[in-house]
Amino acid sequence: MAAGKLVDDELMAEVVRDRLAKPDARRGYLLDGYPRTLPQAETLAGILRDAGLSLDAVLLMRCRRTSWCGGRCCGGGPTTRKR
């Protein structure tokens, strides 16, 4: 994670599970960039069910200009190309 590389689904689920277990997450939480895949979404559903939490909203942001986000969200930037 510290090297900025992709993290496997199991580790990501553990990070999310641990973070949502903290007391301040009971007041609300924002998951930025997670889940990204259907298996991650299914894992998140189980995490939320087990923790007695739920989703109130989901945002999907798409940008048309690479300058707005540096291309990270639309494949135009150096981070995406490097992967």
Protein backbone atom coordinates (compact mmCIF):
# COMPACT_ATOMS: atom_id res chain seq x y z
CA MET A 1 0.00 0.00 0.00
CA ALA A 2 2.72 2.48 0.95
CA ALA A 3 4.40 2.01 -2.44
CA GLY A 4 1.24 3.17 -4.23
CA LYS A 5 0.63 -0.19 -5.91
CA LEU A 6 -2.67 -2.01 -6.19
CA VAL A 7 -3.78 -3.81 -3.05
CA ASP A 8 -5.37 -7.25 -3.22
CA ASP A 9 -9.06 -7.63 -2.39
CA GLU A 10 -8.50 -9.46 0.89
CA LEU A 11 -6.27 -6.74 2.32
CA MET A 12 -8.61 -4.02 1.10
CA ALA A 13 -11.57 -5.77 2.76
CA GLU A 14 -9.60 -6.01 6.01
CA VAL A 15 -8.76 -2.29 5.89
CA VAL A 16 -12.40 -1.37 5.24
CA ARG A 17 -13.70 -3.76 7.92
CA ASP A 18 -11.28 -2.38 10.53
CA ARG A 19 -12.03 1.24 9.65
CA LEU A 20 -15.81 0.81 9.74
CA ALA A 21 -15.50 -0.83 13.17
CA LYS A 22 -14.19 2.42 14.66
CA PRO A 23 -16.72 4.41 16.72
CA ASP A 24 -16.68 7.48 14.47
CA ALA A 25 -17.90 5.40 11.51
CA ARG A 26 -21.22 4.91 13.31
CA ARG A 27 -22.05 8.55 12.51
CA GLY A 28 -21.34 8.04 8.83
CA TYR A 29 -18.59 7.19 6.43
CA LEU A 30 -17.43 7.80 2.88
CA LEU A 31 -15.73 5.11 0.83
CA ASP A 32 -13.74 6.81 -1.93
CA GLY A 33 -12.82 4.43 -4.75
CA TYR A 34 -14.10 1.29 -3.04
CA PRO A 35 -15.59 -0.97 -4.18
CA ARG A 36 -14.30 -0.97 -7.74
CA THR A 37 -15.30 -4.50 -8.79
CA LEU A 38 -18.31 -6.76 -8.33
CA PRO A 39 -16.40 -9.12 -5.98
CA GLN A 40 -15.40 -6.12 -3.85
CA ALA A 41 -19.02 -4.95 -3.81
CA GLU A 42 -20.16 -8.39 -2.66
CA THR A 43 -17.49 -8.39 0.06
CA LEU A 44 -18.55 -4.91 1.14
CA ALA A 45 -22.18 -6.06 1.38
CA GLY A 46 -21.07 -8.80 3.80
CA ILE A 47 -18.91 -6.41 5.82
CA LEU A 48 -21.81 -3.96 6.16
CA ARG A 49 -24.29 -6.72 7.02
CA ASP A 50 -22.00 -8.15 9.71
CA ALA A 51 -21.40 -4.67 11.17
CA GLY A 52 -25.08 -3.70 11.10
CA LEU A 53 -24.33 -0.81 8.73
CA SER A 54 -25.84 0.17 5.42
CA LEU A 55 -25.29 2.43 2.43
CA ASP A 56 -27.42 5.53 2.14
CA ALA A 57 -26.11 6.71 -1.22
CA VAL A 58 -23.67 5.86 -3.98
CA LEU A 59 -21.95 8.44 -6.18
CA LEU A 60 -20.44 7.73 -9.56
CA MET A 61 -18.31 10.57 -10.85
CA ARG A 62 -17.12 10.71 -14.43
CA CYS A 63 -15.08 13.53 -15.84
CA ARG A 64 -14.68 14.46 -19.45
CA ARG A 65 -11.64 16.64 -18.99
CA THR A 66 -8.40 15.02 -17.89
CA SER A 67 -7.24 18.34 -16.44
CA TRP A 68 -9.90 18.18 -13.71
CA CYS A 69 -8.62 14.96 -12.15
CA GLY A 70 -5.24 14.52 -13.77
CA GLY A 71 -6.69 11.67 -15.82
CA ARG A 72 -6.89 9.34 -12.83
CA CYS A 73 -10.56 8.57 -13.34
CA CYS A 74 -10.68 8.39 -17.12
CA GLY A 75 -7.43 6.76 -18.12
CA GLY A 76 -5.65 9.83 -19.37
CA GLY A 77 -3.12 10.36 -16.62
CA PRO A 78 0.28 8.89 -15.81
CA THR A 79 -1.03 6.83 -12.87
CA THR A 80 -3.46 4.91 -15.05
CA ARG A 81 -0.96 4.43 -17.86
CA LYS A 82 1.64 3.13 -15.41
CA ARG A 83 -0.68 0.36 -14.20
